[in-house]
């Protein structure tokens, strides 16, 4: 009898434990408590590609980004006014540093007073892909672009590609140039589409490091027929371009003049210089500019120019609008003006036929 009583008590104890185990197993596991002490796991969710032209590649999650986050570019061609022409995309992928190096903008002077930089330099990692900025036919691929000698491996452009595009501007042919490549992938005569890989970033030719030298040429595929690429590359969405003509009070353009551009929202300061002398830097026919600063987030900016060492620097404020050009002029002691250039007009009007005089 006593043995049966002991066995009954033991059985009830086991049954109670079993019920407690069931209750514990069905109790939700805390998801907040002690979360920071647990090893972190990165989950990769399936992604649906964005439609072209808004496809945009970000750095791998968790990796050290090589540049600040970039909004997607406006679709090309993009033009908010009849005088703008953002026809080209960036020649370097958006997950790389893809804005011009500040000291190597168009019209800069770096090695001598008579040597003008005829493009923009975009810093990028060695062997990063270089892509076509627009559709067209490859008309040069290899060494010797500057000297027009295909066997010249001492050419300052190094390994380079030139594309004659399927479209022009004002009845003139457009070309783009990509220089200092590590490897050329495109071949002469090949038709390429926007974004197609044409080569790899390198440091061939007259360079101090890996980057892409990018040019826009209008009319002829010549060193002397370049225009500022920052007036032709579509800006990131929500960003704009500052264009100016800096002169003295006699309306003579001021060469290699420093202009500071300061964001009122972030206080970030940009330094841009006017074009140097030498004849190879060409102004756009409508803006007749000697200064361009692209890739500015929309907002209010202060402009500062030190015109006279004996006086305070001249300053004004301008607003950068998304996807648009903001224009200003400066005329020495006369100061700033933000009036856009007048619309082009015909240089002459055709003469009307003379009305015959009635005979008496």
Foldseek 3Di string as FASTA:
>chain_A
DVVVVVVVVVVVVVVVVVVVVVVVVPDDDDPPPCVVVDDDDDDDDDDDADDPPQGADAPDPPDDQQDPQFFGFDDPPFDPDPQFGQHWAFQAGRSHQTDFDQQQFFQHDDPDQQDTRQFTKGDGDWFGFTWGGFKFFKADFAPDLQVVDRVDCQAQQHTKIKGFHPDAPPPWTKMKMKGAFPFADDDGGDIHGGGHTGGTWHHGHPGDGTIITMWMAIHDSHLQRTAGCLRHHGERFQWAKEFEFEEAQVRHGDAQFWKWKAAPVPRDIGIHTFRGDNNSYAYRPFQRTRTMDTHGHWHKIKIWGQQDPVDGTAIDIDTTGTRYYFYKYQHHPVGIDRDGGDDDDDPDDDDDDDDDDDDD
